[in-house]
C-alpha cells in the first residue's frame, strides 16, 4: 500500500490538472456549437450542438470583424517578432555566455534592468508619439517594431547557452579555424535548439494574444485577431456563440505552432541525452 499511494496520488493530481486545463477548451467548443440562447440558458448545456459550422461561417462573413484579415495580420506580426527575438536573443546569449569583451557584465545588467520596466504601461505614450512621427499608425510595422527584441529572451538564451555549450567546445572550434559566426551556426545553434523552441513558443503566444498595443495603434479596418474577436459583439448585446467560435478559430495556429516547436524541444532533449 505504501508503494502504491504516491503513484495513485500523482495520477489523481495529474487527472485534476488535465481536467482543469482541458475543460475551458471543451466549454468553448460547446458554446461555439450552440445558439446564443443556449449560451445564456440556466442550467447551461454541457454537450456540443450542431451549429458550429454555421457559427464559423457567420464569423468569417462578419464585415465589422474582418476576421480573416485579423488572422493574417496576427500571423505576420507574431512570426516576424518570433524570428527576430529568437535570432537576436540566441546571438546575444552566445556573446554573453561564451565570448569575452569589455563591459559584458554591465551590458547584461542593463538588459536585465529592461525586464523591470513594464513597456505597455510606461511606454505607451512615447511609443505612440514615435509611431505618429514615423507615420506608422494603422500599420503592422507599429505593432512589430517595439517587440523585435526583449530582455527576457536575451537572459533566457544566455543562461541556456552557458549550460549547453561549454567553453572548451567553443575554444576547440576556434582552434580548428572556425570564425565566430561559424561557431554560432555550427556549434551553438544545434546545442541550444530546445531553448530556442521554448523562447519561440513563448514569444509567438505573447504576440498572438497581445491586445492593448494593437488596439491603440491599429485601426478597425486593419485589426489583429484579438481585436477582430471583440468586434464580433452585436451593437447592444453580446453574441457569445460568435465570440467563442472566433476564439476556437484563433487558437488553431497556436496549437500548430506548439506542435511544431514541441517536436523541436523533444528532439533537442533526446539528442542531448544521446550525446551525454
Protein backbone atom coordinates (compact mmCIF):
# COMPACT_ATOMS: atom_id res chain seq x y z
CA UNK A 1 0.00 0.00 0.00
CA UNK A 2 2.86 2.30 0.83
CA UNK A 3 4.43 1.74 -2.57
CA UNK A 4 1.24 2.47 -4.49
CA UNK A 5 -0.06 5.52 -2.61
CA UNK A 6 2.34 8.08 -4.14
CA UNK A 7 1.61 6.74 -7.63
CA UNK A 8 -2.17 6.90 -7.13
CA UNK A 9 -1.93 10.39 -5.65
CA UNK A 10 0.22 11.54 -8.56
CA UNK A 11 -2.25 10.17 -11.08
CA UNK A 12 -5.18 11.80 -9.32
CA UNK A 13 -3.42 15.17 -9.25
CA UNK A 14 -2.48 14.84 -12.93
CA UNK A 15 -6.07 13.95 -13.82
CA UNK A 16 -7.34 17.01 -11.96
CA UNK A 17 -4.76 19.22 -13.68
CA UNK A 18 -5.70 17.84 -17.11
CA UNK A 19 -9.41 18.37 -16.41
CA UNK A 20 -8.92 21.95 -15.23
CA UNK A 21 -6.76 22.70 -18.28
CA UNK A 22 -8.98 21.00 -20.88
CA UNK A 23 -12.44 21.96 -19.63
CA UNK A 24 -12.25 25.63 -20.76
CA UNK A 25 -11.36 24.43 -24.27
CA UNK A 26 -14.22 21.93 -24.23
CA UNK A 27 -16.64 24.56 -22.92
CA UNK A 28 -15.51 26.93 -25.68
CA UNK A 29 -16.41 24.28 -28.30
CA UNK A 30 -19.76 23.61 -26.62
CA UNK A 31 -20.83 27.26 -26.73
CA UNK A 32 -19.34 27.73 -30.22
CA UNK A 33 -21.60 24.93 -31.48
CA UNK A 34 -24.78 26.26 -29.84
CA UNK A 35 -27.14 29.19 -30.27
CA UNK A 36 -26.87 32.38 -28.25
CA UNK A 37 -30.00 31.40 -26.31
CA UNK A 38 -28.32 28.14 -25.26
CA UNK A 39 -25.23 30.07 -24.15
CA UNK A 40 -27.20 32.06 -21.57
CA UNK A 41 -29.55 29.23 -20.57
CA UNK A 42 -29.76 28.02 -16.96
CA UNK A 43 -28.67 25.30 -16.49
CA UNK A 44 -26.14 25.63 -19.31
CA UNK A 45 -25.65 22.86 -21.90
CA UNK A 46 -22.69 20.55 -21.43
CA UNK A 47 -22.79 18.76 -24.78
CA UNK A 48 -21.86 20.22 -28.18
CA UNK A 49 -24.64 21.29 -30.51
CA UNK A 50 -24.96 21.26 -34.26
CA UNK A 51 -24.36 24.93 -35.10
CA UNK A 52 -20.55 25.01 -35.16
CA UNK A 53 -20.26 25.25 -38.94
CA UNK A 54 -22.98 27.90 -39.13
CA UNK A 55 -21.32 29.99 -36.41
CA UNK A 56 -17.88 29.72 -38.05
CA UNK A 57 -19.34 30.89 -41.37
CA UNK A 58 -21.01 33.79 -39.56
CA UNK A 59 -17.67 34.74 -38.00
CA UNK A 60 -15.86 34.66 -41.34
CA UNK A 61 -18.61 36.65 -43.07
CA UNK A 62 -18.87 39.32 -40.37
CA UNK A 63 -17.98 42.57 -42.15
CA UNK A 64 -17.32 44.50 -38.93
CA UNK A 65 -14.81 41.98 -37.53
CA UNK A 66 -12.67 41.34 -40.66
CA UNK A 67 -11.69 38.07 -39.02
CA UNK A 68 -9.59 36.59 -41.84
CA UNK A 69 -7.62 39.81 -42.11
CA UNK A 70 -7.11 39.73 -38.35
CA UNK A 71 -5.79 36.16 -38.51
CA UNK A 72 -3.41 37.09 -41.32
CA UNK A 73 -2.15 40.20 -39.54
CA UNK A 74 -1.62 38.36 -36.25
CA UNK A 75 0.28 35.59 -38.02
CA UNK A 76 2.55 38.11 -39.77
CA UNK A 77 3.20 40.06 -36.57
CA UNK A 78 3.77 37.00 -34.38
CA UNK A 79 6.01 35.28 -36.95
CA UNK A 80 8.23 38.30 -37.64
CA UNK A 81 8.62 39.11 -33.95
CA UNK A 82 9.29 35.47 -33.03
CA UNK A 83 12.03 35.06 -35.65
CA UNK A 84 13.62 38.36 -34.63
CA UNK A 85 13.53 37.66 -30.90
CA UNK A 86 14.86 34.10 -31.26
CA UNK A 87 17.72 35.01 -33.63
CA UNK A 88 18.83 38.15 -31.77
CA UNK A 89 18.47 36.52 -28.35
CA UNK A 90 20.49 33.48 -29.47
CA UNK A 91 23.26 35.70 -30.83
CA UNK A 92 23.28 37.83 -27.69
CA UNK A 93 23.15 34.77 -25.44
CA UNK A 94 26.15 33.27 -27.23
CA UNK A 95 28.03 36.57 -26.88
CA UNK A 96 27.33 36.94 -23.17
CA UNK A 97 27.94 33.27 -22.36
CA UNK A 98 30.96 32.33 -24.48
CA UNK A 99 32.71 35.48 -25.68
CA UNK A 100 34.99 37.79 -23.75
CA UNK A 101 34.74 41.56 -24.28
CA UNK A 102 34.89 44.69 -22.16
CA UNK A 103 31.69 45.77 -20.46
CA UNK A 104 30.00 42.39 -20.88
CA UNK A 105 28.67 42.23 -17.34
CA UNK A 106 27.49 45.85 -17.41
CA UNK A 107 25.60 45.27 -20.65
CA UNK A 108 24.00 42.13 -19.26
CA UNK A 109 22.85 44.04 -16.16
CA UNK A 110 21.34 46.73 -18.40
CA UNK A 111 19.48 44.05 -20.34
CA UNK A 112 18.13 42.61 -17.10
CA UNK A 113 17.03 46.07 -15.96
CA UNK A 114 14.85 46.41 -19.06
CA UNK A 115 12.82 43.46 -17.75
CA UNK A 116 11.82 45.60 -14.76
CA UNK A 117 10.23 48.25 -16.98
CA UNK A 118 6.62 47.49 -17.97
CA UNK A 119 6.70 48.52 -21.62
CA UNK A 120 2.97 48.62 -22.27
CA UNK A 121 2.16 50.56 -19.10
CA UNK A 122 5.00 53.10 -19.05
CA UNK A 123 5.93 53.26 -22.72
CA UNK A 124 2.54 53.62 -24.40
CA UNK A 125 2.56 57.40 -24.76
CA UNK A 126 6.15 57.83 -26.06
CA UNK A 127 5.78 54.79 -28.32
CA UNK A 128 2.54 56.11 -29.78
CA UNK A 129 4.07 59.53 -30.38
CA UNK A 130 7.01 57.84 -32.11
CA UNK A 131 4.64 55.90 -34.38
CA UNK A 132 2.77 59.11 -35.21
CA UNK A 133 6.04 60.85 -36.09
CA UNK A 134 7.04 57.91 -38.29
CA UNK A 135 3.62 57.84 -39.94
CA UNK A 136 3.14 54.19 -38.98
CA UNK A 137 -0.18 54.38 -37.10
CA UNK A 138 -2.63 51.90 -38.52
CA UNK A 139 0.15 49.71 -39.96
CA UNK A 140 1.67 46.42 -38.82
CA UNK A 141 5.14 47.98 -38.51
CA UNK A 142 3.87 49.87 -35.49
CA UNK A 143 2.94 46.61 -33.77
CA UNK A 144 6.13 44.79 -34.75
CA UNK A 145 8.85 47.36 -34.01
CA UNK A 146 8.58 47.63 -30.19
CA UNK A 147 8.84 43.85 -29.75
CA UNK A 148 11.71 42.89 -32.06
CA UNK A 149 13.94 42.35 -29.01
CA UNK A 150 13.23 41.70 -25.36
CA UNK A 151 15.39 41.30 -22.29
CA UNK A 152 13.80 38.05 -21.21
CA UNK A 153 14.84 36.32 -24.43
CA UNK A 154 18.45 37.50 -24.05
CA UNK A 155 18.56 36.40 -20.41
CA UNK A 156 16.99 33.00 -21.17
CA UNK A 157 19.37 32.22 -24.03
CA UNK A 158 22.38 33.46 -22.07
CA UNK A 159 21.64 31.09 -19.21
CA UNK A 160 20.78 28.21 -21.54
CA UNK A 161 23.92 28.69 -23.64
CA UNK A 162 26.11 28.69 -20.54
CA UNK A 163 24.75 25.26 -19.61
CA UNK A 164 24.52 23.72 -23.08
CA UNK A 165 27.73 25.00 -24.71
CA UNK A 166 30.93 24.55 -22.66
CA UNK A 167 33.78 26.94 -23.32
CA UNK A 168 36.02 24.01 -24.25
CA UNK A 169 33.79 23.27 -27.24
CA UNK A 170 33.96 26.87 -28.45
CA UNK A 171 37.74 27.01 -27.96
CA UNK A 172 38.16 23.72 -29.85
CA UNK A 173 36.16 25.10 -32.77
CA UNK A 174 38.22 28.28 -32.76
CA UNK A 175 41.46 26.25 -32.78
CA UNK A 176 40.12 24.43 -35.86
CA UNK A 177 39.90 27.81 -37.59
CA UNK A 178 36.16 28.49 -37.29
CA UNK A 179 35.12 32.14 -37.23
CA UNK A 180 32.72 33.46 -34.59
CA UNK A 181 29.62 33.29 -36.79
CA UNK A 182 30.60 29.82 -37.96
CA UNK A 183 30.88 28.69 -34.33
CA UNK A 184 27.45 30.16 -33.61
CA UNK A 185 25.89 28.48 -36.63
CA UNK A 186 27.54 25.04 -36.46
CA UNK A 187 28.24 24.59 -32.75
CA UNK A 188 25.91 26.78 -30.69
CA UNK A 189 22.60 26.55 -32.60
CA UNK A 190 22.33 22.73 -32.55
CA UNK A 191 23.06 22.71 -28.81
CA UNK A 192 20.56 25.42 -27.83
CA UNK A 193 17.71 24.26 -30.08
CA UNK A 194 15.40 23.29 -27.16
CA UNK A 195 15.88 26.71 -25.57
CA UNK A 196 15.14 28.41 -28.89
CA UNK A 197 11.94 26.35 -29.19
CA UNK A 198 10.77 27.38 -25.71
CA UNK A 199 11.51 31.03 -26.45
CA UNK A 200 9.78 30.74 -29.82
CA UNK A 201 6.60 29.28 -28.34
CA UNK A 202 6.51 31.88 -25.57
CA UNK A 203 7.10 34.80 -27.94
CA UNK A 204 4.59 33.63 -30.56
CA UNK A 205 1.88 33.14 -27.93
CA UNK A 206 2.52 36.53 -26.34
CA UNK A 207 2.33 38.33 -29.67
CA UNK A 208 -0.68 36.35 -30.86
CA UNK A 209 -2.60 37.20 -27.69
CA UNK A 210 -1.45 40.82 -27.47
CA UNK A 211 -4.43 43.14 -27.29
CA UNK A 212 -3.62 46.50 -25.73
CA UNK A 213 -0.93 47.83 -28.10
CA UNK A 214 -2.65 46.75 -31.35
CA UNK A 215 -5.88 48.26 -30.06
CA UNK A 216 -4.12 51.60 -29.55
CA UNK A 217 -2.04 51.79 -32.69
CA UNK A 218 -4.17 49.98 -35.30
CA UNK A 219 -7.48 50.93 -36.90
CA UNK A 220 -10.66 48.76 -37.08
CA UNK A 221 -10.02 48.33 -40.81
CA UNK A 222 -6.65 46.65 -40.17
CA UNK A 223 -7.05 44.60 -36.96
CA UNK A 224 -5.25 41.72 -35.36
CA UNK A 225 -7.21 38.62 -34.41
CA UNK A 226 -7.82 39.69 -30.80
CA UNK A 227 -9.34 42.98 -31.92
CA UNK A 228 -11.38 41.14 -34.55
CA UNK A 229 -12.85 38.87 -31.84
CA UNK A 230 -14.02 41.86 -29.80
CA UNK A 231 -15.68 43.24 -32.94
CA UNK A 232 -17.91 40.16 -33.13
CA UNK A 233 -20.16 41.62 -30.44
CA UNK A 234 -23.50 42.96 -31.54
CA UNK A 235 -24.10 46.66 -31.02
CA UNK A 236 -26.40 46.34 -28.00
CA UNK A 237 -25.83 42.74 -26.90
CA UNK A 238 -23.13 40.10 -26.56
CA UNK A 239 -23.14 37.27 -29.09
CA UNK A 240 -21.37 34.56 -27.12
CA UNK A 241 -21.60 31.94 -29.87
CA UNK A 242 -19.73 34.10 -32.39
CA UNK A 243 -17.11 35.12 -29.82
CA UNK A 244 -16.46 31.52 -28.82
CA UNK A 245 -16.44 30.35 -32.44
CA UNK A 246 -13.93 33.09 -33.28
CA UNK A 247 -11.84 32.12 -30.27
CA UNK A 248 -11.87 28.48 -31.38
CA UNK A 249 -10.61 29.51 -34.81
CA UNK A 250 -7.95 31.76 -33.31
CA UNK A 251 -6.30 29.02 -31.24
CA UNK A 252 -5.72 26.70 -34.22
CA UNK A 253 -2.46 28.47 -35.24
CA UNK A 254 -1.29 28.37 -31.61
CA UNK A 255 -1.85 24.60 -31.47
CA UNK A 256 0.03 24.16 -34.76
CA UNK A 257 2.98 26.24 -33.52
CA UNK A 258 3.06 24.38 -30.21
CA UNK A 259 3.16 21.01 -32.01
CA UNK A 260 5.91 22.22 -34.35
CA UNK A 261 8.14 23.72 -31.66
CA UNK A 262 7.25 20.96 -29.21
CA UNK A 263 8.85 18.43 -31.53
CA UNK A 264 11.98 20.56 -31.61
CA UNK A 265 12.10 20.60 -27.81
CA UNK A 266 11.74 16.82 -27.55
CA UNK A 267 14.18 16.21 -30.41
CA UNK A 268 16.77 18.51 -28.89
CA UNK A 269 16.45 16.95 -25.44
CA UNK A 270 16.72 13.43 -26.86
CA UNK A 271 19.77 14.41 -28.93
CA UNK A 272 21.41 15.88 -25.84
CA UNK A 273 20.63 12.75 -23.84
CA UNK A 274 22.19 10.54 -26.52
CA UNK A 275 25.33 12.69 -26.60
CA UNK A 276 25.55 12.60 -22.82
